[in-house]
C-alpha atoms as a PDB file:
ATOM      1  CA  UNK A   1      66.161 -61.256 -33.791  1.00  0.00           C
ATOM      2  CA  UNK A   2      63.016 -59.498 -32.784  1.00  0.00           C
ATOM      3  CA  UNK A   3      63.705 -60.924 -29.447  1.00  0.00           C
ATOM      4  CA  UNK A   4      66.967 -59.229 -29.193  1.00  0.00           C
ATOM      5  CA  UNK A   5      65.694 -56.245 -30.339  1.00  0.00           C
ATOM      6  CA  UNK A   6      62.436 -56.204 -27.950  1.00  0.00           C
ATOM      7  CA  UNK A   7      64.879 -57.234 -24.796  1.00  0.00           C
ATOM      8  CA  UNK A   8      67.328 -54.255 -25.953  1.00  0.00           C
ATOM      9  CA  UNK A   9      63.966 -51.435 -26.222  1.00  0.00           C
ATOM     10  CA  UNK A  10      63.197 -53.092 -22.902  1.00  0.00           C
ATOM     11  CA  UNK A  11      66.375 -52.569 -21.226  1.00  0.00           C
ATOM     12  CA  UNK A  12      66.856 -49.232 -22.604  1.00  0.00           C
ATOM     13  CA  UNK A  13      63.230 -47.667 -21.536  1.00  0.00           C
ATOM     14  CA  UNK A  14      63.351 -49.029 -18.368  1.00  0.00           C
ATOM     15  CA  UNK A  15      66.851 -47.546 -17.887  1.00  0.00           C
ATOM     16  CA  UNK A  16      65.633 -44.254 -18.784  1.00  0.00           C
ATOM     17  CA  UNK A  17      62.257 -44.257 -17.172  1.00  0.00           C
ATOM     18  CA  UNK A  18      64.555 -45.139 -13.829  1.00  0.00           C
ATOM     19  CA  UNK A  19      67.114 -42.447 -14.543  1.00  0.00           C
ATOM     20  CA  UNK A  20      63.967 -40.218 -14.937  1.00  0.00           C
ATOM     21  CA  UNK A  21      62.623 -41.384 -11.540  1.00  0.00           C
ATOM     22  CA  UNK A  22      65.916 -41.127  -9.672  1.00  0.00           C
ATOM     23  CA  UNK A  23      66.423 -37.405 -11.111  1.00  0.00           C
ATOM     24  CA  UNK A  24      62.668 -36.636  -9.644  1.00  0.00           C
ATOM     25  CA  UNK A  25      63.623 -38.202  -6.487  1.00  0.00           C
ATOM     26  CA  UNK A  26      66.565 -35.865  -6.415  1.00  0.00           C
ATOM     27  CA  UNK A  27      65.110 -32.780  -7.511  1.00  0.00           C
ATOM     28  CA  UNK A  28      61.833 -33.358  -5.246  1.00  0.00           C
ATOM     29  CA  UNK A  29      63.726 -34.912  -2.283  1.00  0.00           C
ATOM     30  CA  UNK A  30      61.608 -38.049  -2.377  1.00  0.00           C
ATOM     31  CA  UNK A  31      61.994 -41.681  -2.968  1.00  0.00           C
ATOM     32  CA  UNK A  32      60.700 -42.572  -6.634  1.00  0.00           C
ATOM     33  CA  UNK A  33      62.881 -45.346  -7.249  1.00  0.00           C
ATOM     34  CA  UNK A  34      60.770 -48.294  -8.163  1.00  0.00           C
ATOM     35  CA  UNK A  35      63.070 -50.958  -7.820  1.00  0.00           C
ATOM     36  CA  UNK A  36      63.805 -49.751  -4.095  1.00  0.00           C
ATOM     37  CA  UNK A  37      59.905 -49.094  -3.553  1.00  0.00           C
ATOM     38  CA  UNK A  38      59.371 -52.712  -4.439  1.00  0.00           C
ATOM     39  CA  UNK A  39      62.145 -53.852  -2.155  1.00  0.00           C
ATOM     40  CA  UNK A  40      60.918 -51.814   0.397  1.00  0.00           C
ATOM     41  CA  UNK A  41      57.048 -53.027  -0.173  1.00  0.00           C
ATOM     42  CA  UNK A  42      58.711 -56.612   0.101  1.00  0.00           C
ATOM     43  CA  UNK A  43      60.599 -56.129   3.349  1.00  0.00           C
ATOM     44  CA  UNK A  44      57.663 -54.798   5.190  1.00  0.00           C
ATOM     45  CA  UNK A  45      55.153 -57.333   3.908  1.00  0.00           C
ATOM     46  CA  UNK A  46      54.366 -60.816   5.673  1.00  0.00           C
ATOM     47  CA  UNK A  47      54.652 -62.674   2.155  1.00  0.00           C
ATOM     48  CA  UNK A  48      58.496 -61.758   1.940  1.00  0.00           C
ATOM     49  CA  UNK A  49      61.523 -62.320   3.789  1.00  0.00           C
ATOM     50  CA  UNK A  50      62.236 -59.592   6.038  1.00  0.00           C
ATOM     51  CA  UNK A  51      65.731 -59.291   5.137  1.00  0.00           C
ATOM     52  CA  UNK A  52      65.049 -57.640   1.939  1.00  0.00           C
ATOM     53  CA  UNK A  53      67.176 -54.278   1.828  1.00  0.00           C
ATOM     54  CA  UNK A  54      66.503 -50.924  -0.498  1.00  0.00           C
ATOM     55  CA  UNK A  55      69.503 -52.439  -2.685  1.00  0.00           C
ATOM     56  CA  UNK A  56      68.321 -56.184  -2.888  1.00  0.00           C
ATOM     57  CA  UNK A  57      68.650 -57.559  -6.274  1.00  0.00           C
ATOM     58  CA  UNK A  58      64.731 -58.550  -6.267  1.00  0.00           C
ATOM     59  CA  UNK A  59      63.239 -55.135  -6.765  1.00  0.00           C
ATOM     60  CA  UNK A  60      65.613 -54.768 -10.087  1.00  0.00           C
ATOM     61  CA  UNK A  61      64.458 -57.853 -11.359  1.00  0.00           C
ATOM     62  CA  UNK A  62      61.087 -57.550 -11.143  1.00  0.00           C
ATOM     63  CA  UNK A  63      61.463 -53.666 -12.077  1.00  0.00           C
ATOM     64  CA  UNK A  64      63.179 -54.969 -15.094  1.00  0.00           C
ATOM     65  CA  UNK A  65      61.057 -57.835 -15.772  1.00  0.00           C
ATOM     66  CA  UNK A  66      58.171 -55.650 -16.073  1.00  0.00           C
ATOM     67  CA  UNK A  67      59.842 -53.578 -18.450  1.00  0.00           C
ATOM     68  CA  UNK A  68      60.573 -56.413 -20.478  1.00  0.00           C
ATOM     69  CA  UNK A  69      56.710 -57.265 -20.723  1.00  0.00           C
ATOM     70  CA  UNK A  70      56.048 -53.958 -21.659  1.00  0.00           C
ATOM     71  CA  UNK A  71      58.435 -53.596 -24.625  1.00  0.00           C
ATOM     72  CA  UNK A  72      57.066 -56.980 -25.668  1.00  0.00           C
ATOM     73  CA  UNK A  73      53.498 -54.897 -25.379  1.00  0.00           C
ATOM     74  CA  UNK A  74      54.650 -52.156 -27.318  1.00  0.00           C
ATOM     75  CA  UNK A  75      56.063 -54.401 -29.919  1.00  0.00           C
ATOM     76  CA  UNK A  76      52.787 -55.807 -30.561  1.00  0.00           C
ATOM     77  CA  UNK A  77      51.182 -52.439 -30.520  1.00  0.00           C
ATOM     78  CA  UNK A  78      54.072 -50.874 -33.019  1.00  0.00           C
ATOM     79  CA  UNK A  79      53.663 -53.992 -35.441  1.00  0.00           C
ATOM     80  CA  UNK A  80      49.983 -54.874 -35.418  1.00  0.00           C
ATOM     81  CA  UNK A  81      47.798 -52.456 -34.225  1.00  0.00           C
ATOM     82  CA  UNK A  82      47.839 -50.385 -37.473  1.00  0.00           C
ATOM     83  CA  UNK A  83      47.992 -47.154 -35.484  1.00  0.00           C
ATOM     84  CA  UNK A  84      51.059 -46.248 -37.054  1.00  0.00           C
ATOM     85  CA  UNK A  85      54.943 -45.704 -36.102  1.00  0.00           C
ATOM     86  CA  UNK A  86      54.833 -42.204 -34.904  1.00  0.00           C
ATOM     87  CA  UNK A  87      56.997 -41.648 -31.880  1.00  0.00           C
ATOM     88  CA  UNK A  88      54.207 -39.446 -30.366  1.00  0.00           C
ATOM     89  CA  UNK A  89      52.303 -42.654 -30.766  1.00  0.00           C
ATOM     90  CA  UNK A  90      54.824 -44.350 -28.388  1.00  0.00           C
ATOM     91  CA  UNK A  91      54.795 -41.665 -25.837  1.00  0.00           C
ATOM     92  CA  UNK A  92      50.745 -41.888 -25.717  1.00  0.00           C
ATOM     93  CA  UNK A  93      51.035 -45.664 -25.441  1.00  0.00           C
ATOM     94  CA  UNK A  94      53.537 -44.876 -22.490  1.00  0.00           C
ATOM     95  CA  UNK A  95      51.367 -42.540 -20.655  1.00  0.00           C
ATOM     96  CA  UNK A  96      48.313 -45.210 -21.017  1.00  0.00           C
ATOM     97  CA  UNK A  97      50.921 -47.899 -19.462  1.00  0.00           C
ATOM     98  CA  UNK A  98      51.935 -45.599 -16.865  1.00  0.00           C
ATOM     99  CA  UNK A  99      48.040 -45.037 -16.169  1.00  0.00           C
ATOM    100  CA  UNK A 100      47.843 -49.094 -15.676  1.00  0.00           C
ATOM    101  CA  UNK A 101      51.109 -49.098 -13.676  1.00  0.00           C
ATOM    102  CA  UNK A 102      49.767 -46.303 -11.501  1.00  0.00           C
ATOM    103  CA  UNK A 103      46.740 -48.338 -10.766  1.00  0.00           C
ATOM    104  CA  UNK A 104      49.144 -51.474 -10.303  1.00  0.00           C
ATOM    105  CA  UNK A 105      51.444 -49.467  -7.799  1.00  0.00           C
ATOM    106  CA  UNK A 106      47.980 -47.905  -5.936  1.00  0.00           C
ATOM    107  CA  UNK A 107      47.129 -51.592  -5.555  1.00  0.00           C
ATOM    108  CA  UNK A 108      50.316 -52.509  -4.242  1.00  0.00           C
ATOM    109  CA  UNK A 109      50.173 -49.742  -1.722  1.00  0.00           C
ATOM    110  CA  UNK A 110      46.791 -50.409  -0.273  1.00  0.00           C
ATOM    111  CA  UNK A 111      47.031 -54.201  -0.603  1.00  0.00           C
ATOM    112  CA  UNK A 112      50.850 -54.774   0.941  1.00  0.00           C
ATOM    113  CA  UNK A 113      52.248 -51.891   2.638  1.00  0.00           C
ATOM    114  CA  UNK A 114      52.854 -48.108   1.822  1.00  0.00           C
ATOM    115  CA  UNK A 115      56.677 -47.618   2.017  1.00  0.00           C
ATOM    116  CA  UNK A 116      57.099 -45.140   4.855  1.00  0.00           C
ATOM    117  CA  UNK A 117      57.841 -41.373   3.666  1.00  0.00           C
ATOM    118  CA  UNK A 118      56.389 -41.976   0.338  1.00  0.00           C
ATOM    119  CA  UNK A 119      54.625 -39.214  -1.598  1.00  0.00           C
ATOM    120  CA  UNK A 120      52.236 -41.455  -3.270  1.00  0.00           C
ATOM    121  CA  UNK A 121      50.537 -38.562  -5.739  1.00  0.00           C
ATOM    122  CA  UNK A 122      54.266 -37.444  -6.777  1.00  0.00           C
ATOM    123  CA  UNK A 123      55.348 -40.914  -7.208  1.00  0.00           C
ATOM    124  CA  UNK A 124      52.363 -41.525  -9.635  1.00  0.00           C
ATOM    125  CA  UNK A 125      52.522 -38.141 -11.626  1.00  0.00           C
ATOM    126  CA  UNK A 126      56.205 -38.997 -12.238  1.00  0.00           C
ATOM    127  CA  UNK A 127      55.476 -42.553 -12.653  1.00  0.00           C
ATOM    128  CA  UNK A 128      53.111 -41.636 -15.762  1.00  0.00           C
ATOM    129  CA  UNK A 129      55.618 -39.097 -17.290  1.00  0.00           C
ATOM    130  CA  UNK A 130      58.453 -41.756 -16.655  1.00  0.00           C
ATOM    131  CA  UNK A 131      56.549 -44.651 -18.777  1.00  0.00           C
ATOM    132  CA  UNK A 132      56.006 -41.968 -21.464  1.00  0.00           C
ATOM    133  CA  UNK A 133      59.844 -41.721 -21.943  1.00  0.00           C
ATOM    134  CA  UNK A 134      59.664 -45.587 -21.921  1.00  0.00           C
ATOM    135  CA  UNK A 135      56.847 -45.686 -24.633  1.00  0.00           C
ATOM    136  CA  UNK A 136      58.671 -43.007 -26.735  1.00  0.00           C
ATOM    137  CA  UNK A 137      62.229 -44.506 -26.450  1.00  0.00           C
ATOM    138  CA  UNK A 138      60.989 -47.966 -27.255  1.00  0.00           C
ATOM    139  CA  UNK A 139      59.239 -46.495 -30.062  1.00  0.00           C
ATOM    140  CA  UNK A 140      62.321 -44.807 -31.428  1.00  0.00           C
ATOM    141  CA  UNK A 141      64.373 -47.990 -31.300  1.00  0.00           C
ATOM    142  CA  UNK A 142      61.534 -49.817 -33.419  1.00  0.00           C
ATOM    143  CA  UNK A 143      61.631 -47.217 -35.756  1.00  0.00           C
ATOM    144  CA  UNK A 144      65.295 -47.665 -36.248  1.00  0.00           C
ATOM    145  CA  UNK A 145      65.072 -51.235 -36.543  1.00  0.00           C
ATOM    146  CA  UNK A 146      61.683 -51.631 -38.278  1.00  0.00           C
ATOM    147  CA  UNK A 147      61.018 -55.149 -36.685  1.00  0.00           C
ATOM    148  CA  UNK A 148      57.975 -55.984 -38.646  1.00  0.00           C
END
């Protein structure tokens, strides 16, 4: 049962943070969609096929796969850290994950290729906020289910 809860929390958190990224992208007229940016980096990288389009399924699979790993990490923190179960802690851990994610994206941007017309600074800022939404929503679900 715990695995199903982790999967649902990961899917919910990833969906909410992705929605936030799409909203920020629309407001600021920027491309902040993580799956699309992943696809663009793969498209322009020599390590991948150049037939990858913005809406290719591979970017979505990678994005949601990483979300599942984050949900598992948050479950470990929720159940075993001794830090408590407050939702604010989930948001804080989400911000920490967002900072780690930002470092990962900056590494990808510098190692592979930066997609054209990408506001990297704006992307990183919204990414940290999006991850706080992820952490908060996963923690909220864990509170409702009390999986430990």
